[in-house]
């Protein structure tokens, strides 16, 4: 049981790393933080295509990673 959970944990960990690394950057450098700060804070953010997919994949794998970590501690 524990070995299967550890293997699943590794797979989820790799998925989380890959999904975070493949996401595009949110900032446009120093000028983007000064000029577009209010727009980024109050504007609508609509993710389309692969950006939305990676965002959902990152969220799901992060939640699964945390749950599996707690389960592995309890199975000990």
C-alpha atoms as a PDB file:
ATOM      1  CA  UNK A   1       0.000   0.000   0.000  1.00  0.00           C
ATOM      2  CA  UNK A   2       2.722   2.429   1.014  1.00  0.00           C
ATOM      3  CA  UNK A   3       4.856   1.648  -2.038  1.00  0.00           C
ATOM      4  CA  UNK A   4       1.927   2.310  -4.372  1.00  0.00           C
ATOM      5  CA  UNK A   5       1.260   5.648  -2.655  1.00  0.00           C
ATOM      6  CA  UNK A   6       4.926   6.633  -2.954  1.00  0.00           C
ATOM      7  CA  UNK A   7       4.918   5.822  -6.677  1.00  0.00           C
ATOM      8  CA  UNK A   8       1.747   7.888  -7.158  1.00  0.00           C
ATOM      9  CA  UNK A   9       3.386  10.692  -5.145  1.00  0.00           C
ATOM     10  CA  UNK A  10       6.390  10.710  -7.509  1.00  0.00           C
ATOM     11  CA  UNK A  11       4.137  10.834 -10.573  1.00  0.00           C
ATOM     12  CA  UNK A  12       2.101  13.700  -9.115  1.00  0.00           C
ATOM     13  CA  UNK A  13       5.314  15.510  -8.149  1.00  0.00           C
ATOM     14  CA  UNK A  14       6.690  15.285 -11.681  1.00  0.00           C
ATOM     15  CA  UNK A  15       3.340  16.423 -13.108  1.00  0.00           C
ATOM     16  CA  UNK A  16       3.350  19.418 -10.779  1.00  0.00           C
ATOM     17  CA  UNK A  17       6.905  20.387 -11.725  1.00  0.00           C
ATOM     18  CA  UNK A  18       6.246  20.092 -15.460  1.00  0.00           C
ATOM     19  CA  UNK A  19       2.954  22.002 -15.323  1.00  0.00           C
ATOM     20  CA  UNK A  20       4.552  24.871 -13.378  1.00  0.00           C
ATOM     21  CA  UNK A  21       7.531  25.093 -15.721  1.00  0.00           C
ATOM     22  CA  UNK A  22       5.390  25.106 -18.872  1.00  0.00           C
ATOM     23  CA  UNK A  23       3.161  27.978 -17.747  1.00  0.00           C
ATOM     24  CA  UNK A  24       3.860  31.353 -19.346  1.00  0.00           C
ATOM     25  CA  UNK A  25       5.130  34.224 -17.187  1.00  0.00           C
ATOM     26  CA  UNK A  26       2.624  36.640 -15.683  1.00  0.00           C
ATOM     27  CA  UNK A  27       4.745  39.791 -15.566  1.00  0.00           C
ATOM     28  CA  UNK A  28       6.231  41.945 -18.289  1.00  0.00           C
ATOM     29  CA  UNK A  29       9.290  42.957 -16.309  1.00  0.00           C
ATOM     30  CA  UNK A  30       9.716  46.149 -14.308  1.00  0.00           C
ATOM     31  CA  UNK A  31       7.680  48.317 -16.667  1.00  0.00           C
ATOM     32  CA  UNK A  32       4.771  45.888 -16.494  1.00  0.00           C
ATOM     33  CA  UNK A  33       4.697  46.040 -12.728  1.00  0.00           C
ATOM     34  CA  UNK A  34       4.588  49.851 -12.699  1.00  0.00           C
ATOM     35  CA  UNK A  35       2.338  50.641 -15.642  1.00  0.00           C
ATOM     36  CA  UNK A  36       0.067  47.608 -15.714  1.00  0.00           C
ATOM     37  CA  UNK A  37      -0.292  46.951 -12.021  1.00  0.00           C
ATOM     38  CA  UNK A  38      -3.826  48.271 -11.698  1.00  0.00           C
ATOM     39  CA  UNK A  39      -4.911  46.559 -14.878  1.00  0.00           C
ATOM     40  CA  UNK A  40      -3.554  43.264 -13.675  1.00  0.00           C
ATOM     41  CA  UNK A  41      -5.106  43.707 -10.245  1.00  0.00           C
ATOM     42  CA  UNK A  42      -8.563  44.877 -11.280  1.00  0.00           C
ATOM     43  CA  UNK A  43      -8.810  43.638 -14.862  1.00  0.00           C
ATOM     44  CA  UNK A  44     -10.429  40.422 -15.963  1.00  0.00           C
ATOM     45  CA  UNK A  45      -8.087  37.524 -16.481  1.00  0.00           C
ATOM     46  CA  UNK A  46      -9.367  35.100 -19.068  1.00  0.00           C
ATOM     47  CA  UNK A  47      -7.144  32.131 -19.714  1.00  0.00           C
ATOM     48  CA  UNK A  48      -7.617  30.349 -22.985  1.00  0.00           C
ATOM     49  CA  UNK A  49      -6.168  27.252 -24.537  1.00  0.00           C
ATOM     50  CA  UNK A  50      -3.156  25.644 -22.986  1.00  0.00           C
ATOM     51  CA  UNK A  51      -2.823  28.367 -20.335  1.00  0.00           C
ATOM     52  CA  UNK A  52      -6.142  27.333 -18.807  1.00  0.00           C
ATOM     53  CA  UNK A  53      -5.197  23.668 -19.090  1.00  0.00           C
ATOM     54  CA  UNK A  54      -1.874  24.157 -17.305  1.00  0.00           C
ATOM     55  CA  UNK A  55      -3.524  26.305 -14.646  1.00  0.00           C
ATOM     56  CA  UNK A  56      -6.102  23.620 -13.870  1.00  0.00           C
ATOM     57  CA  UNK A  57      -3.493  20.862 -14.036  1.00  0.00           C
ATOM     58  CA  UNK A  58      -1.240  22.753 -11.616  1.00  0.00           C
ATOM     59  CA  UNK A  59      -4.073  23.326  -9.155  1.00  0.00           C
ATOM     60  CA  UNK A  60      -5.243  19.720  -9.272  1.00  0.00           C
ATOM     61  CA  UNK A  61      -1.768  18.251  -8.928  1.00  0.00           C
ATOM     62  CA  UNK A  62      -0.874  20.609  -6.050  1.00  0.00           C
ATOM     63  CA  UNK A  63      -3.996  19.584  -4.125  1.00  0.00           C
ATOM     64  CA  UNK A  64      -3.349  15.914  -4.840  1.00  0.00           C
ATOM     65  CA  UNK A  65       0.285  16.295  -3.778  1.00  0.00           C
ATOM     66  CA  UNK A  66      -0.719  17.794  -0.421  1.00  0.00           C
ATOM     67  CA  UNK A  67      -3.375  15.134   0.219  1.00  0.00           C
ATOM     68  CA  UNK A  68      -0.992  12.313  -0.667  1.00  0.00           C
ATOM     69  CA  UNK A  69       1.675  13.790   1.606  1.00  0.00           C
ATOM     70  CA  UNK A  70      -0.712  13.752   4.563  1.00  0.00           C
ATOM     71  CA  UNK A  71      -1.896  10.240   3.729  1.00  0.00           C
ATOM     72  CA  UNK A  72       1.682   8.980   3.537  1.00  0.00           C
ATOM     73  CA  UNK A  73       2.416  10.427   6.974  1.00  0.00           C
ATOM     74  CA  UNK A  74      -0.670   8.753   8.416  1.00  0.00           C
ATOM     75  CA  UNK A  75       0.050   5.373   6.768  1.00  0.00           C
ATOM     76  CA  UNK A  76       3.472   5.287   8.391  1.00  0.00           C
END
